[in-house]
């Protein structure tokens, strides 16, 4: 009897099941995006709105999702939570992303050109709180004011875009 109880306890503590939670996932979908400037020159990246060292710049994306409360009548429960429908952590994975410079980037790249090849996606763990995705700049642009438009495509269709405010690079 004791042996059976110990076997059940040890079997329930199987480390291979440690990260396999089969609980329900609250379904969410992306409604829009907001782009922010990130300064990565210090110990921790921070959202910036002034000068940024051109070698330490990132574009951050905040997701606007449909799981926010609305002003609808709250008398009734809105619907079931479906198991495994969509994970919050990857709701933007279905979109292709592009970045356009709205100002001249450098001598060879005028305003209106795609500069996506100059950016690389960064792990979410290295982003400031509240920022869901980030793209680190790999090629330093010319010093001066710069602005970008981040675009999300579903297939060939432009679904979301956001234009950043100009920011000064030094």
N, C-alpha and C. Protein backbone atom coordinates (compact mmCIF):
# COMPACT_ATOMS: atom_id res chain seq x y z
N UNK A 1 0.83 -1.19 0.00
CA UNK A 1 0.00 0.00 0.00
C UNK A 1 0.87 1.26 0.00
N UNK A 2 1.87 1.28 0.89
CA UNK A 2 2.79 2.42 0.95
C UNK A 2 3.59 2.50 -0.34
N UNK A 3 4.01 1.35 -0.85
CA UNK A 3 4.76 1.32 -2.10
C UNK A 3 3.93 1.87 -3.25
N UNK A 4 2.65 1.53 -3.29
CA UNK A 4 1.76 2.03 -4.35
C UNK A 4 1.60 3.55 -4.24
N UNK A 5 1.47 4.08 -3.03
CA UNK A 5 1.32 5.52 -2.82
C UNK A 5 2.59 6.25 -3.24
N UNK A 6 3.76 5.71 -2.88
CA UNK A 6 5.02 6.33 -3.28
C UNK A 6 5.20 6.31 -4.79
N UNK A 7 4.80 5.22 -5.43
CA UNK A 7 4.90 5.12 -6.88
C UNK A 7 4.02 6.18 -7.55
N UNK A 8 2.82 6.38 -7.03
CA UNK A 8 1.90 7.39 -7.59
C UNK A 8 2.46 8.80 -7.41
N UNK A 9 3.04 9.07 -6.25
CA UNK A 9 3.60 10.40 -5.98
C UNK A 9 4.80 10.66 -6.88
N UNK A 10 5.72 9.70 -6.96
CA UNK A 10 6.91 9.87 -7.79
C UNK A 10 6.51 9.95 -9.26
N UNK A 11 5.57 9.17 -9.70
CA UNK A 11 5.09 9.22 -11.09
C UNK A 11 4.45 10.55 -11.43
N UNK A 12 3.78 11.16 -10.46
CA UNK A 12 3.16 12.47 -10.68
C UNK A 12 4.16 13.59 -10.73
N UNK A 13 5.37 13.36 -10.26
CA UNK A 13 6.42 14.38 -10.25
C UNK A 13 7.39 14.20 -11.41
N UNK A 14 6.98 13.56 -12.45
CA UNK A 14 7.82 13.31 -13.61
C UNK A 14 8.29 14.63 -14.21
N UNK A 15 9.60 14.89 -14.23
CA UNK A 15 10.10 16.16 -14.74
C UNK A 15 9.83 16.37 -16.22
N UNK A 16 9.58 15.32 -16.98
CA UNK A 16 9.30 15.50 -18.41
C UNK A 16 7.97 16.19 -18.63
N UNK A 17 7.06 16.15 -17.65
CA UNK A 17 5.77 16.82 -17.77
C UNK A 17 5.78 18.22 -17.16
N UNK A 18 6.93 18.64 -16.69
CA UNK A 18 7.04 19.90 -15.96
C UNK A 18 6.55 21.11 -16.77
N UNK A 19 6.87 21.17 -18.05
CA UNK A 19 6.50 22.32 -18.87
C UNK A 19 5.30 22.05 -19.77
N UNK A 20 4.59 20.99 -19.56
CA UNK A 20 3.48 20.63 -20.43
C UNK A 20 2.15 20.86 -19.71
N UNK A 21 1.79 22.12 -19.54
CA UNK A 21 0.53 22.43 -18.90
C UNK A 21 -0.56 22.39 -19.95
N UNK A 22 -1.57 21.57 -19.74
CA UNK A 22 -2.63 21.42 -20.72
C UNK A 22 -3.87 22.22 -20.35
N UNK A 23 -3.72 23.25 -19.57
CA UNK A 23 -4.86 24.07 -19.18
C UNK A 23 -5.37 24.88 -20.35
N UNK A 24 -6.51 25.52 -20.15
CA UNK A 24 -7.09 26.31 -21.23
C UNK A 24 -6.25 27.55 -21.53
N UNK A 25 -6.33 28.01 -22.77
CA UNK A 25 -5.64 29.21 -23.21
C UNK A 25 -6.70 30.24 -23.56
N UNK A 26 -6.59 31.44 -23.02
CA UNK A 26 -7.56 32.48 -23.33
C UNK A 26 -7.30 32.97 -24.75
N UNK A 27 -8.27 32.87 -25.64
CA UNK A 27 -8.04 33.27 -27.03
C UNK A 27 -7.95 34.79 -27.16
N UNK A 28 -6.94 35.25 -27.87
CA UNK A 28 -6.78 36.66 -28.16
C UNK A 28 -6.35 36.80 -29.61
N UNK A 29 -6.57 37.96 -30.17
CA UNK A 29 -6.08 38.22 -31.52
C UNK A 29 -5.59 39.65 -31.58
N UNK A 30 -4.71 39.89 -32.50
CA UNK A 30 -4.10 41.19 -32.66
C UNK A 30 -5.07 42.13 -33.37
N UNK A 31 -5.33 43.30 -32.76
CA UNK A 31 -6.20 44.30 -33.37
C UNK A 31 -5.41 45.41 -34.04
N UNK A 32 -4.28 45.78 -33.46
CA UNK A 32 -3.41 46.79 -34.04
C UNK A 32 -2.07 46.76 -33.32
N UNK A 33 -1.18 47.63 -33.74
CA UNK A 33 0.14 47.71 -33.12
C UNK A 33 0.47 49.16 -32.82
N UNK A 34 1.42 49.36 -31.92
CA UNK A 34 1.98 50.68 -31.63
C UNK A 34 3.49 50.51 -31.58
N UNK A 35 4.20 51.35 -32.31
CA UNK A 35 5.66 51.27 -32.33
C UNK A 35 6.26 52.31 -31.39
N UNK A 36 7.31 51.93 -30.69
CA UNK A 36 8.02 52.84 -29.78
C UNK A 36 9.51 52.75 -30.06
N UNK A 37 10.22 53.81 -29.71
CA UNK A 37 11.68 53.82 -29.82
C UNK A 37 12.27 53.23 -28.54
N UNK A 38 13.31 52.43 -28.69
CA UNK A 38 13.97 51.84 -27.53
C UNK A 38 15.46 52.18 -27.58
N UNK A 39 15.97 52.65 -26.45
CA UNK A 39 17.39 52.95 -26.30
C UNK A 39 18.04 51.77 -25.57
N UNK A 40 18.97 51.12 -26.23
CA UNK A 40 19.62 49.93 -25.70
C UNK A 40 21.06 50.23 -25.26
N UNK A 41 21.35 51.50 -24.93
CA UNK A 41 22.73 51.85 -24.60
C UNK A 41 23.09 51.62 -23.13
N UNK A 42 22.11 51.48 -22.26
CA UNK A 42 22.39 51.28 -20.85
C UNK A 42 22.38 49.82 -20.45
N UNK A 43 22.30 49.58 -19.15
CA UNK A 43 22.27 48.21 -18.65
C UNK A 43 21.00 47.49 -19.09
N UNK A 44 19.87 48.22 -19.11
CA UNK A 44 18.59 47.66 -19.54
C UNK A 44 17.99 48.55 -20.63
N UNK A 45 17.38 47.97 -21.65
CA UNK A 45 16.71 48.78 -22.67
C UNK A 45 15.55 49.57 -22.07
N UNK A 46 15.36 50.80 -22.55
CA UNK A 46 14.27 51.65 -22.08
C UNK A 46 13.57 52.30 -23.27
N UNK A 47 12.27 52.56 -23.13
CA UNK A 47 11.52 53.29 -24.14
C UNK A 47 12.05 54.72 -24.12
N UNK A 48 12.34 55.28 -25.29
CA UNK A 48 12.95 56.60 -25.39
C UNK A 48 12.11 57.52 -26.26
N UNK A 49 12.22 58.82 -26.00
CA UNK A 49 11.53 59.79 -26.86
C UNK A 49 12.43 60.98 -27.17
N UNK A 50 13.71 60.87 -26.89
CA UNK A 50 14.63 61.96 -27.18
C UNK A 50 15.82 61.41 -27.93
N UNK A 51 17.01 61.84 -27.61
CA UNK A 51 18.22 61.39 -28.28
C UNK A 51 18.50 59.91 -28.02
N UNK A 52 18.95 59.21 -29.07
CA UNK A 52 19.36 57.82 -28.94
C UNK A 52 20.65 57.64 -29.73
N UNK A 53 21.58 56.95 -29.12
CA UNK A 53 22.82 56.62 -29.83
C UNK A 53 22.46 55.70 -30.99
N UNK A 54 22.87 56.06 -32.20
CA UNK A 54 22.44 55.32 -33.40
C UNK A 54 22.84 53.85 -33.36
N UNK A 55 23.90 53.49 -32.65
CA UNK A 55 24.33 52.09 -32.54
C UNK A 55 23.55 51.32 -31.49
N UNK A 56 22.67 51.98 -30.75
CA UNK A 56 21.94 51.34 -29.65
C UNK A 56 20.43 51.46 -29.83
N UNK A 57 19.96 51.54 -31.05
CA UNK A 57 18.54 51.78 -31.32
C UNK A 57 17.79 50.47 -31.61
N UNK A 58 16.57 50.40 -31.09
CA UNK A 58 15.65 49.32 -31.41
C UNK A 58 14.26 49.91 -31.63
N UNK A 59 13.48 49.27 -32.49
CA UNK A 59 12.06 49.59 -32.62
C UNK A 59 11.32 48.56 -31.77
N UNK A 60 10.46 49.04 -30.89
CA UNK A 60 9.65 48.15 -30.06
C UNK A 60 8.21 48.18 -30.52
N UNK A 61 7.53 47.06 -30.40
CA UNK A 61 6.13 46.95 -30.80
C UNK A 61 5.29 46.55 -29.60
N UNK A 62 4.26 47.33 -29.37
CA UNK A 62 3.26 46.99 -28.36
C UNK A 62 2.04 46.46 -29.10
N UNK A 63 1.59 45.28 -28.71
CA UNK A 63 0.42 44.69 -29.34
C UNK A 63 -0.85 45.24 -28.72
N UNK A 64 -1.81 45.57 -29.53
CA UNK A 64 -3.14 45.95 -29.08
C UNK A 64 -4.01 44.74 -29.41
N UNK A 65 -4.48 44.03 -28.36
CA UNK A 65 -5.21 42.77 -28.53
C UNK A 65 -6.68 42.94 -28.20
N UNK A 66 -7.49 41.97 -28.61
CA UNK A 66 -8.93 42.06 -28.40
C UNK A 66 -9.39 41.46 -27.08
N UNK A 67 -8.48 41.12 -26.21
CA UNK A 67 -8.88 40.54 -24.93
C UNK A 67 -9.11 41.60 -23.86
N UNK A 68 -9.12 42.88 -24.25
CA UNK A 68 -9.37 43.96 -23.30
C UNK A 68 -10.87 44.05 -23.01
N UNK A 69 -11.19 44.53 -21.83
CA UNK A 69 -12.59 44.70 -21.46
C UNK A 69 -13.24 45.76 -22.33
N UNK A 70 -14.52 45.60 -22.61
CA UNK A 70 -15.26 46.56 -23.41
C UNK A 70 -16.37 47.16 -22.57
N UNK A 71 -17.09 48.11 -23.14
CA UNK A 71 -18.20 48.74 -22.45
C UNK A 71 -19.52 48.01 -22.72
N UNK A 72 -19.46 46.82 -23.29
CA UNK A 72 -20.67 46.06 -23.57
C UNK A 72 -21.39 45.69 -22.28
N UNK A 73 -22.62 45.29 -22.42
CA UNK A 73 -23.42 44.85 -21.28
C UNK A 73 -22.70 43.68 -20.61
N UNK A 74 -22.48 43.78 -19.32
CA UNK A 74 -21.72 42.75 -18.62
C UNK A 74 -22.60 41.77 -17.85
N UNK A 75 -23.86 41.65 -18.26
CA UNK A 75 -24.78 40.76 -17.55
C UNK A 75 -24.42 39.29 -17.78
N UNK A 76 -24.01 38.97 -19.01
CA UNK A 76 -23.78 37.57 -19.35
C UNK A 76 -22.30 37.28 -19.59
N UNK A 77 -21.91 36.06 -19.36
CA UNK A 77 -20.55 35.61 -19.67
C UNK A 77 -20.43 35.58 -21.18
N UNK A 78 -19.33 36.07 -21.71
CA UNK A 78 -19.21 36.26 -23.15
C UNK A 78 -18.96 34.99 -23.96
N UNK A 79 -18.40 33.97 -23.40
CA UNK A 79 -18.16 32.77 -24.18
C UNK A 79 -17.14 31.88 -23.50
N UNK A 80 -16.97 30.68 -24.03
CA UNK A 80 -16.05 29.73 -23.40
C UNK A 80 -14.59 30.03 -23.70
N UNK A 81 -13.73 29.51 -22.87
CA UNK A 81 -12.30 29.52 -23.13
C UNK A 81 -11.99 28.19 -23.79
N UNK A 82 -11.44 28.25 -24.98
CA UNK A 82 -11.15 27.03 -25.73
C UNK A 82 -9.72 26.59 -25.50
N UNK A 83 -9.54 25.33 -25.25
CA UNK A 83 -8.23 24.77 -24.96
C UNK A 83 -7.32 24.90 -26.20
N UNK A 84 -6.16 25.53 -26.00
CA UNK A 84 -5.13 25.58 -27.04
C UNK A 84 -5.47 26.38 -28.27
N UNK A 85 -6.44 27.30 -28.21
CA UNK A 85 -6.85 28.01 -29.41
C UNK A 85 -5.76 28.93 -29.95
N UNK A 86 -5.19 29.77 -29.11
CA UNK A 86 -4.10 30.64 -29.55
C UNK A 86 -3.33 31.13 -28.33
N UNK A 87 -2.03 31.06 -28.40
CA UNK A 87 -1.20 31.52 -27.29
C UNK A 87 -0.89 32.99 -27.45
N UNK A 88 -0.98 33.75 -26.36
CA UNK A 88 -0.67 35.17 -26.38
C UNK A 88 0.76 35.42 -26.85
N UNK A 89 1.66 34.56 -26.45
CA UNK A 89 3.07 34.76 -26.76
C UNK A 89 3.42 34.69 -28.22
N UNK A 90 2.57 34.12 -29.05
CA UNK A 90 2.91 34.01 -30.46
C UNK A 90 1.81 34.52 -31.38
N UNK A 91 0.96 35.40 -30.90
CA UNK A 91 -0.16 35.85 -31.73
C UNK A 91 0.29 36.66 -32.94
N UNK A 92 1.49 37.20 -32.94
CA UNK A 92 1.96 37.97 -34.09
C UNK A 92 2.83 37.14 -35.03
N UNK A 93 3.05 35.87 -34.71
CA UNK A 93 3.90 35.03 -35.55
C UNK A 93 3.33 34.82 -36.95
N UNK A 94 2.04 34.90 -37.10
CA UNK A 94 1.43 34.66 -38.42
C UNK A 94 1.66 35.80 -39.39
N UNK A 95 2.16 36.92 -38.89
CA UNK A 95 2.37 38.10 -39.73
C UNK A 95 3.82 38.21 -40.18
N UNK A 96 4.01 38.63 -41.43
CA UNK A 96 5.33 39.03 -41.90
C UNK A 96 5.50 40.50 -41.55
N UNK A 97 6.69 40.89 -41.15
CA UNK A 97 6.92 42.26 -40.71
C UNK A 97 7.92 42.95 -41.63
N UNK A 98 7.70 44.25 -41.84
CA UNK A 98 8.60 45.05 -42.67
C UNK A 98 8.77 46.41 -42.02
N UNK A 99 9.91 47.05 -42.30
CA UNK A 99 10.18 48.39 -41.77
C UNK A 99 10.61 49.28 -42.92
N UNK A 100 9.96 50.45 -43.02
CA UNK A 100 10.24 51.44 -44.05
C UNK A 100 10.83 52.67 -43.36
N UNK A 101 11.88 53.27 -43.95
CA UNK A 101 12.39 54.52 -43.40
C UNK A 101 11.56 55.66 -43.98
N UNK A 102 11.08 56.53 -43.13
CA UNK A 102 10.27 57.67 -43.57
C UNK A 102 11.14 58.90 -43.80
N UNK A 103 12.40 58.80 -43.42
CA UNK A 103 13.39 59.86 -43.60
C UNK A 103 14.60 59.23 -44.26
N UNK A 104 15.48 60.01 -44.88
CA UNK A 104 16.69 59.40 -45.46
C UNK A 104 17.47 58.63 -44.40
N UNK A 105 17.79 57.38 -44.69
CA UNK A 105 18.49 56.52 -43.73
C UNK A 105 19.98 56.80 -43.75
N UNK A 106 20.55 56.79 -44.94
CA UNK A 106 21.96 57.11 -45.15
C UNK A 106 22.12 57.55 -46.60
N UNK A 107 23.34 57.77 -47.04
CA UNK A 107 23.59 58.29 -48.39
C UNK A 107 23.02 57.37 -49.47
N UNK A 108 23.00 56.08 -49.24
CA UNK A 108 22.51 55.14 -50.25
C UNK A 108 21.06 54.73 -50.09
N UNK A 109 20.40 55.16 -49.03
CA UNK A 109 19.03 54.73 -48.77
C UNK A 109 18.14 55.95 -48.52
N UNK A 110 17.39 56.37 -49.55
CA UNK A 110 16.53 57.54 -49.39
C UNK A 110 15.25 57.21 -48.61
N UNK A 111 14.52 58.24 -48.24
CA UNK A 111 13.24 58.06 -47.55
C UNK A 111 12.30 57.24 -48.43
N UNK A 112 11.46 56.44 -47.78
CA UNK A 112 10.48 55.63 -48.51
C UNK A 112 10.97 54.24 -48.89
N UNK A 113 12.20 53.91 -48.59
CA UNK A 113 12.75 52.59 -48.91
C UNK A 113 12.57 51.64 -47.73
N UNK A 114 12.42 50.36 -48.04
CA UNK A 114 12.38 49.34 -46.99
C UNK A 114 13.79 49.15 -46.43
N UNK A 115 13.87 49.12 -45.11
CA UNK A 115 15.15 48.92 -44.43
C UNK A 115 15.08 47.70 -43.51
N UNK A 116 14.17 46.80 -43.79
CA UNK A 116 13.98 45.61 -42.96
C UNK A 116 15.26 44.81 -42.81
N UNK A 117 16.08 44.77 -43.85
CA UNK A 117 17.33 43.99 -43.79
C UNK A 117 18.31 44.55 -42.77
N UNK A 118 18.10 45.78 -42.31
CA UNK A 118 18.97 46.40 -41.32
C UNK A 118 18.52 46.11 -39.89
N UNK A 119 17.41 45.40 -39.72
CA UNK A 119 16.86 45.10 -38.40
C UNK A 119 16.81 43.59 -38.19
N UNK A 120 16.92 43.19 -36.94
CA UNK A 120 16.82 41.78 -36.57
C UNK A 120 15.93 41.67 -35.34
N UNK A 121 15.01 40.71 -35.34
CA UNK A 121 14.12 40.54 -34.19
C UNK A 121 14.93 40.11 -32.97
N UNK A 122 14.53 40.64 -31.82
CA UNK A 122 15.23 40.35 -30.57
C UNK A 122 14.29 39.59 -29.64
N UNK A 123 14.83 38.76 -28.79
CA UNK A 123 14.05 37.98 -27.84
C UNK A 123 13.27 38.90 -26.90
N UNK A 124 12.03 38.55 -26.61
CA UNK A 124 11.16 39.35 -25.75
C UNK A 124 11.74 39.58 -24.36
N UNK A 125 12.56 38.67 -23.89
CA UNK A 125 13.13 38.80 -22.55
C UNK A 125 14.07 40.00 -22.42
N UNK A 126 14.52 40.56 -23.54
CA UNK A 126 15.45 41.69 -23.52
C UNK A 126 14.75 43.02 -23.78
N UNK A 127 13.43 43.03 -23.73
CA UNK A 127 12.66 44.25 -24.02
C UNK A 127 12.10 44.87 -22.74
N UNK A 128 11.85 46.17 -22.77
CA UNK A 128 11.23 46.81 -21.61
C UNK A 128 9.83 46.25 -21.36
N UNK A 129 9.36 46.38 -20.13
CA UNK A 129 8.01 45.92 -19.78
C UNK A 129 6.99 46.61 -20.67
N UNK A 130 5.99 45.84 -21.09
CA UNK A 130 4.93 46.39 -21.92
C UNK A 130 5.21 46.37 -23.41
N UNK A 131 6.43 46.00 -23.79
CA UNK A 131 6.79 45.91 -25.20
C UNK A 131 6.80 44.43 -25.56
N UNK A 132 6.05 44.06 -26.60
CA UNK A 132 5.86 42.66 -26.95
C UNK A 132 6.85 42.12 -27.98
N UNK A 133 7.31 42.97 -28.87
CA UNK A 133 8.27 42.55 -29.89
C UNK A 133 9.29 43.66 -30.07
N UNK A 134 10.48 43.29 -30.50
CA UNK A 134 11.50 44.30 -30.72
C UNK A 134 12.39 43.92 -31.88
N UNK A 135 12.87 44.96 -32.57
CA UNK A 135 13.75 44.78 -33.72
C UNK A 135 14.96 45.68 -33.52
N UNK A 136 16.13 45.07 -33.35
CA UNK A 136 17.36 45.81 -33.10
C UNK A 136 17.96 46.24 -34.43
N UNK A 137 18.46 47.46 -34.46
CA UNK A 137 19.07 48.03 -35.66
C UNK A 137 20.51 47.52 -35.77
N UNK A 138 20.84 46.88 -36.88
CA UNK A 138 22.16 46.29 -37.08
C UNK A 138 23.12 47.21 -37.84
N UNK A 139 22.57 48.13 -38.62
CA UNK A 139 23.38 49.05 -39.42
C UNK A 139 23.08 50.47 -38.95
N UNK A 140 24.09 51.18 -38.51
CA UNK A 140 23.88 52.54 -38.00
C UNK A 140 23.55 53.50 -39.14
N UNK A 141 22.45 54.24 -39.00
CA UNK A 141 22.11 55.24 -40.02
C UNK A 141 22.94 56.51 -39.82
N UNK A 142 22.78 57.46 -40.72
CA UNK A 142 23.44 58.75 -40.54
C UNK A 142 22.87 59.43 -39.30
N UNK A 143 23.67 60.22 -38.60
CA UNK A 143 23.13 60.99 -37.47
C UNK A 143 22.03 61.94 -37.97
N UNK A 144 21.12 62.29 -37.07
CA UNK A 144 20.02 63.19 -37.43
C UNK A 144 18.69 62.59 -37.05
N UNK A 145 17.62 63.23 -37.52
CA UNK A 145 16.26 62.76 -37.20
C UNK A 145 15.87 61.62 -38.13
N UNK A 146 15.26 60.60 -37.52
CA UNK A 146 14.81 59.44 -38.29
C UNK A 146 13.42 59.04 -37.81
N UNK A 147 12.64 58.51 -38.72
CA UNK A 147 11.31 57.98 -38.41
C UNK A 147 11.11 56.74 -39.27
N UNK A 148 10.32 55.79 -38.75
CA UNK A 148 10.10 54.53 -39.44
C UNK A 148 8.61 54.18 -39.45
N UNK A 149 8.23 53.34 -40.39
CA UNK A 149 6.89 52.76 -40.40
C UNK A 149 7.06 51.25 -40.30
N UNK A 150 6.44 50.66 -39.29
CA UNK A 150 6.47 49.21 -39.11
C UNK A 150 5.18 48.67 -39.72
N UNK A 151 5.33 47.66 -40.58
CA UNK A 151 4.17 47.09 -41.28
C UNK A 151 4.04 45.60 -40.95
N UNK A 152 2.80 45.16 -40.73
CA UNK A 152 2.49 43.74 -40.51
C UNK A 152 1.63 43.28 -41.68
N UNK A 153 2.05 42.19 -42.32
CA UNK A 153 1.33 41.64 -43.47
C UNK A 153 0.78 40.27 -43.13
N UNK A 154 -0.44 40.02 -43.56
CA UNK A 154 -1.05 38.70 -43.51
C UNK A 154 -1.05 38.21 -44.96
N UNK A 155 -0.09 37.38 -45.30
CA UNK A 155 0.12 37.02 -46.70
C UNK A 155 0.67 38.25 -47.42
N UNK A 156 -0.01 38.68 -48.47
CA UNK A 156 0.39 39.88 -49.21
C UNK A 156 -0.38 41.11 -48.77
N UNK A 157 -1.34 40.94 -47.86
CA UNK A 157 -2.21 42.04 -47.45
C UNK A 157 -1.63 42.80 -46.25
N UNK A 158 -1.47 44.11 -46.40
CA UNK A 158 -1.03 44.96 -45.30
C UNK A 158 -2.16 45.02 -44.28
N UNK A 159 -1.92 44.49 -43.10
CA UNK A 159 -2.96 44.40 -42.07
C UNK A 159 -2.85 45.52 -41.05
N UNK A 160 -1.64 45.78 -40.55
CA UNK A 160 -1.41 46.83 -39.56
C UNK A 160 -0.16 47.61 -39.95
N UNK A 161 -0.13 48.88 -39.58
CA UNK A 161 1.11 49.64 -39.69
C UNK A 161 1.08 50.75 -38.65
N UNK A 162 2.27 51.20 -38.29
CA UNK A 162 2.39 52.28 -37.32
C UNK A 162 3.62 53.08 -37.67
N UNK A 163 3.47 54.41 -37.73
CA UNK A 163 4.59 55.29 -38.01
C UNK A 163 5.11 55.88 -36.71
N UNK A 164 6.42 55.77 -36.51
CA UNK A 164 7.02 56.31 -35.30
C UNK A 164 7.15 57.83 -35.41
N UNK A 165 7.19 58.47 -34.29
CA UNK A 165 7.53 59.89 -34.26
C UNK A 165 9.01 60.02 -34.60
N UNK A 166 9.44 61.13 -35.17
CA UNK A 166 10.87 61.29 -35.43
C UNK A 166 11.68 61.27 -34.13
N UNK A 167 12.86 60.68 -34.21
CA UNK A 167 13.76 60.63 -33.06
C UNK A 167 15.15 60.99 -33.55
N UNK A 168 15.89 61.68 -32.70
CA UNK A 168 17.23 62.15 -33.05
C UNK A 168 18.28 61.09 -32.73
N UNK A 169 19.07 60.70 -33.76
CA UNK A 169 20.20 59.79 -33.57
C UNK A 169 21.48 60.61 -33.54
N UNK A 170 22.36 60.24 -32.63
CA UNK A 170 23.67 60.90 -32.60
C UNK A 170 24.77 59.86 -32.71
